[in-house]
Amino acid sequence: MSDLNQLIQRAERMLERLETLMPAVAPPDWSASVAFRWRRRATGLGVQSWLQPVRQLSSIRLADLHHIDEQKTLIERNTRQFVRG
């Protein structure tokens, strides 16, 4: 076995042990909310990320926003492109 293969196997074993120390993050419950917020937290072992349900949505409509027409146009165009894929 080459030195590189030994190093890779050793690194994989070490990562497996480190993963057991990381707090488990449950998959999101998609029925819990209509919106989710991406969260990140630095830990002693790296960065932990997860989706957090948004419990209360704001009822602001795009028409409620004034004097930012260019930004509203960009948001609308970006959203349409995202939905189209």
N, C-alpha and C. Protein backbone atom coordinates (compact mmCIF):
# COMPACT_ATOMS: atom_id res chain seq x y z
N MET A 1 0.86 -1.18 0.00
CA MET A 1 0.00 0.00 0.00
C MET A 1 0.90 1.24 0.00
N SER A 2 0.55 2.19 -0.83
CA SER A 2 1.37 3.40 -0.94
C SER A 2 1.18 4.31 0.27
N ASP A 3 2.13 5.19 0.45
CA ASP A 3 2.04 6.15 1.56
C ASP A 3 0.79 7.01 1.44
N LEU A 4 0.43 7.37 0.21
CA LEU A 4 -0.75 8.19 0.01
C LEU A 4 -2.01 7.44 0.43
N ASN A 5 -2.12 6.18 0.06
CA ASN A 5 -3.29 5.39 0.45
C ASN A 5 -3.37 5.24 1.97
N GLN A 6 -2.23 5.03 2.61
CA GLN A 6 -2.21 4.93 4.07
C GLN A 6 -2.68 6.23 4.70
N LEU A 7 -2.21 7.34 4.16
CA LEU A 7 -2.61 8.64 4.68
C LEU A 7 -4.11 8.86 4.51
N ILE A 8 -4.64 8.49 3.36
CA ILE A 8 -6.08 8.65 3.11
C ILE A 8 -6.89 7.80 4.07
N GLN A 9 -6.49 6.55 4.27
CA GLN A 9 -7.22 5.68 5.19
C GLN A 9 -7.16 6.21 6.62
N ARG A 10 -6.01 6.69 7.01
CA ARG A 10 -5.86 7.25 8.36
C ARG A 10 -6.73 8.49 8.53
N ALA A 11 -6.74 9.35 7.52
CA ALA A 11 -7.57 10.56 7.58
C ALA A 11 -9.05 10.20 7.65
N GLU A 12 -9.48 9.18 6.90
CA GLU A 12 -10.88 8.76 6.94
C GLU A 12 -11.26 8.24 8.32
N ARG A 13 -10.38 7.47 8.95
CA ARG A 13 -10.67 6.97 10.30
C ARG A 13 -10.77 8.12 11.30
N MET A 14 -9.88 9.10 11.15
CA MET A 14 -9.90 10.25 12.05
C MET A 14 -11.19 11.05 11.86
N LEU A 15 -11.61 11.26 10.62
CA LEU A 15 -12.85 11.98 10.35
C LEU A 15 -14.06 11.25 10.92
N GLU A 16 -14.07 9.93 10.81
CA GLU A 16 -15.18 9.16 11.39
C GLU A 16 -15.27 9.38 12.89
N ARG A 17 -14.12 9.41 13.56
CA ARG A 17 -14.13 9.65 15.02
C ARG A 17 -14.57 11.07 15.34
N LEU A 18 -14.12 12.03 14.56
CA LEU A 18 -14.52 13.42 14.80
C LEU A 18 -16.02 13.61 14.58
N GLU A 19 -16.57 12.94 13.59
CA GLU A 19 -18.00 13.07 13.31
C GLU A 19 -18.85 12.61 14.48
N THR A 20 -18.37 11.65 15.24
CA THR A 20 -19.14 11.19 16.41
C THR A 20 -19.18 12.26 17.50
N LEU A 21 -18.24 13.19 17.49
CA LEU A 21 -18.22 14.26 18.48
C LEU A 21 -19.11 15.44 18.10
N MET A 22 -19.42 15.55 16.83
CA MET A 22 -20.24 16.67 16.36
C MET A 22 -21.69 16.44 16.77
N PRO A 23 -22.37 17.51 17.17
CA PRO A 23 -23.79 17.36 17.51
C PRO A 23 -24.60 16.99 16.27
N ALA A 24 -25.51 16.08 16.44
CA ALA A 24 -26.34 15.65 15.31
C ALA A 24 -27.36 16.72 14.98
N VAL A 25 -27.56 16.95 13.72
CA VAL A 25 -28.56 17.90 13.26
C VAL A 25 -29.64 17.10 12.55
N ALA A 26 -30.84 17.21 13.07
CA ALA A 26 -31.96 16.48 12.47
C ALA A 26 -32.33 17.10 11.13
N PRO A 27 -32.77 16.29 10.19
CA PRO A 27 -33.22 16.86 8.92
C PRO A 27 -34.45 17.74 9.15
N PRO A 28 -34.64 18.76 8.33
CA PRO A 28 -35.77 19.67 8.56
C PRO A 28 -37.11 18.96 8.40
N ASP A 29 -38.05 19.37 9.22
CA ASP A 29 -39.43 18.89 9.10
C ASP A 29 -40.13 19.87 8.16
N TRP A 30 -40.26 19.49 6.90
CA TRP A 30 -40.79 20.40 5.89
C TRP A 30 -42.23 20.80 6.17
N SER A 31 -42.94 20.03 6.98
CA SER A 31 -44.33 20.39 7.30
C SER A 31 -44.40 21.35 8.49
N ALA A 32 -43.28 21.67 9.11
CA ALA A 32 -43.27 22.52 10.29
C ALA A 32 -43.45 24.00 9.96
N SER A 33 -43.16 24.38 8.72
CA SER A 33 -43.21 25.79 8.37
C SER A 33 -43.28 25.94 6.86
N VAL A 34 -43.61 27.14 6.42
CA VAL A 34 -43.61 27.42 4.99
C VAL A 34 -42.32 28.09 4.55
N ALA A 35 -41.49 28.47 5.53
CA ALA A 35 -40.22 29.13 5.23
C ALA A 35 -39.16 28.64 6.22
N PHE A 36 -37.91 28.66 5.76
CA PHE A 36 -36.80 28.23 6.59
C PHE A 36 -35.67 29.23 6.45
N ARG A 37 -34.86 29.35 7.48
CA ARG A 37 -33.72 30.26 7.51
C ARG A 37 -32.46 29.41 7.67
N TRP A 38 -31.44 29.69 6.86
CA TRP A 38 -30.17 28.98 6.94
C TRP A 38 -29.37 29.54 8.11
N ARG A 39 -28.94 28.67 9.00
CA ARG A 39 -28.17 29.07 10.18
C ARG A 39 -26.80 28.42 10.15
N ARG A 40 -25.81 29.13 10.67
CA ARG A 40 -24.44 28.62 10.80
C ARG A 40 -23.93 28.97 12.18
N ARG A 41 -23.18 28.05 12.77
CA ARG A 41 -22.60 28.31 14.08
C ARG A 41 -21.20 27.70 14.10
N ALA A 42 -20.24 28.48 14.56
CA ALA A 42 -18.88 27.97 14.71
C ALA A 42 -18.81 27.14 16.00
N THR A 43 -18.20 25.97 15.90
CA THR A 43 -17.99 25.13 17.07
C THR A 43 -16.50 24.87 17.21
N GLY A 44 -16.13 24.21 18.25
CA GLY A 44 -14.72 23.87 18.44
C GLY A 44 -14.19 22.93 17.37
N LEU A 45 -15.09 22.24 16.68
CA LEU A 45 -14.68 21.28 15.66
C LEU A 45 -14.99 21.74 14.24
N GLY A 46 -15.40 22.98 14.10
CA GLY A 46 -15.72 23.48 12.76
C GLY A 46 -17.02 24.24 12.76
N VAL A 47 -17.64 24.32 11.61
CA VAL A 47 -18.88 25.07 11.45
C VAL A 47 -20.04 24.09 11.32
N GLN A 48 -21.10 24.37 12.04
CA GLN A 48 -22.31 23.56 11.96
C GLN A 48 -23.38 24.40 11.26
N SER A 49 -24.08 23.81 10.30
CA SER A 49 -25.11 24.53 9.55
C SER A 49 -26.40 23.73 9.56
N TRP A 50 -27.53 24.45 9.54
CA TRP A 50 -28.83 23.78 9.52
C TRP A 50 -29.90 24.74 9.06
N LEU A 51 -31.05 24.19 8.70
CA LEU A 51 -32.22 24.98 8.33
C LEU A 51 -33.12 25.11 9.55
N GLN A 52 -33.49 26.33 9.87
CA GLN A 52 -34.35 26.61 11.02
C GLN A 52 -35.71 27.08 10.52
N PRO A 53 -36.79 26.46 10.99
CA PRO A 53 -38.12 26.91 10.56
C PRO A 53 -38.39 28.35 11.00
N VAL A 54 -39.01 29.13 10.13
CA VAL A 54 -39.45 30.48 10.48
C VAL A 54 -40.87 30.33 11.02
N ARG A 55 -41.06 30.64 12.28
CA ARG A 55 -42.34 30.41 12.93
C ARG A 55 -43.39 31.47 12.58
N GLN A 56 -42.93 32.70 12.38
CA GLN A 56 -43.88 33.78 12.12
C GLN A 56 -43.40 34.58 10.92
N LEU A 57 -44.19 34.60 9.89
CA LEU A 57 -43.82 35.32 8.67
C LEU A 57 -44.35 36.75 8.71
N SER A 58 -43.57 37.64 8.14
CA SER A 58 -44.00 39.02 8.01
C SER A 58 -44.95 39.12 6.83
N SER A 59 -45.93 39.97 6.93
CA SER A 59 -46.92 40.09 5.85
C SER A 59 -46.62 41.26 4.92
N ILE A 60 -45.36 41.56 4.73
CA ILE A 60 -44.97 42.65 3.83
C ILE A 60 -45.08 42.15 2.39
N ARG A 61 -45.77 42.93 1.58
CA ARG A 61 -45.88 42.63 0.15
C ARG A 61 -44.87 43.48 -0.61
N LEU A 62 -44.52 43.04 -1.78
CA LEU A 62 -43.58 43.80 -2.60
C LEU A 62 -44.11 45.21 -2.86
N ALA A 63 -45.40 45.35 -3.03
CA ALA A 63 -46.01 46.67 -3.28
C ALA A 63 -45.90 47.59 -2.07
N ASP A 64 -45.67 47.03 -0.88
CA ASP A 64 -45.54 47.85 0.33
C ASP A 64 -44.19 48.57 0.39
N LEU A 65 -43.23 48.15 -0.40
CA LEU A 65 -41.89 48.72 -0.37
C LEU A 65 -41.81 49.88 -1.36
N HIS A 66 -41.38 51.02 -0.89
CA HIS A 66 -41.35 52.23 -1.71
C HIS A 66 -39.92 52.72 -1.94
N HIS A 67 -39.70 53.37 -3.08
CA HIS A 67 -38.45 54.04 -3.43
C HIS A 67 -37.28 53.07 -3.61
N ILE A 68 -37.59 51.84 -3.95
CA ILE A 68 -36.53 50.86 -4.25
C ILE A 68 -36.94 50.05 -5.49
N ASP A 69 -37.44 50.76 -6.48
CA ASP A 69 -37.97 50.09 -7.68
C ASP A 69 -36.92 49.22 -8.38
N GLU A 70 -35.69 49.70 -8.47
CA GLU A 70 -34.65 48.91 -9.14
C GLU A 70 -34.40 47.60 -8.39
N GLN A 71 -34.32 47.66 -7.07
CA GLN A 71 -34.10 46.46 -6.27
C GLN A 71 -35.27 45.49 -6.38
N LYS A 72 -36.49 46.03 -6.40
CA LYS A 72 -37.68 45.17 -6.54
C LYS A 72 -37.67 44.46 -7.90
N THR A 73 -37.27 45.18 -8.94
CA THR A 73 -37.19 44.58 -10.27
C THR A 73 -36.16 43.45 -10.29
N LEU A 74 -35.01 43.68 -9.66
CA LEU A 74 -33.97 42.65 -9.61
C LEU A 74 -34.44 41.42 -8.83
N ILE A 75 -35.11 41.64 -7.72
CA ILE A 75 -35.62 40.51 -6.92
C ILE A 75 -36.63 39.71 -7.72
N GLU A 76 -37.53 40.40 -8.38
CA GLU A 76 -38.56 39.71 -9.16
C GLU A 76 -37.93 38.91 -10.31
N ARG A 77 -36.98 39.52 -11.00
CA ARG A 77 -36.32 38.83 -12.11
C ARG A 77 -35.53 37.62 -11.60
N ASN A 78 -34.80 37.79 -10.51
CA ASN A 78 -34.03 36.70 -9.93
C ASN A 78 -34.94 35.55 -9.51
N THR A 79 -36.06 35.88 -8.88
CA THR A 79 -37.00 34.85 -8.43
C THR A 79 -37.58 34.09 -9.62
N ARG A 80 -37.94 34.80 -10.67
CA ARG A 80 -38.49 34.14 -11.86
C ARG A 80 -37.44 33.20 -12.49
N GLN A 81 -36.19 33.66 -12.56
CA GLN A 81 -35.13 32.81 -13.11
C GLN A 81 -34.92 31.58 -12.24
N PHE A 82 -34.98 31.75 -10.93
CA PHE A 82 -34.80 30.63 -10.01
C PHE A 82 -35.91 29.59 -10.19
N VAL A 83 -37.14 30.06 -10.30
CA VAL A 83 -38.28 29.15 -10.45
C VAL A 83 -38.20 28.40 -11.78
N ARG A 84 -37.75 29.08 -12.82
CA ARG A 84 -37.61 28.42 -14.13
C ARG A 84 -36.49 27.38 -14.12
N GLY A 85 -35.52 27.55 -13.23
CA GLY A 85 -34.41 26.60 -13.16
C GLY A 85 -33.26 27.12 -13.94
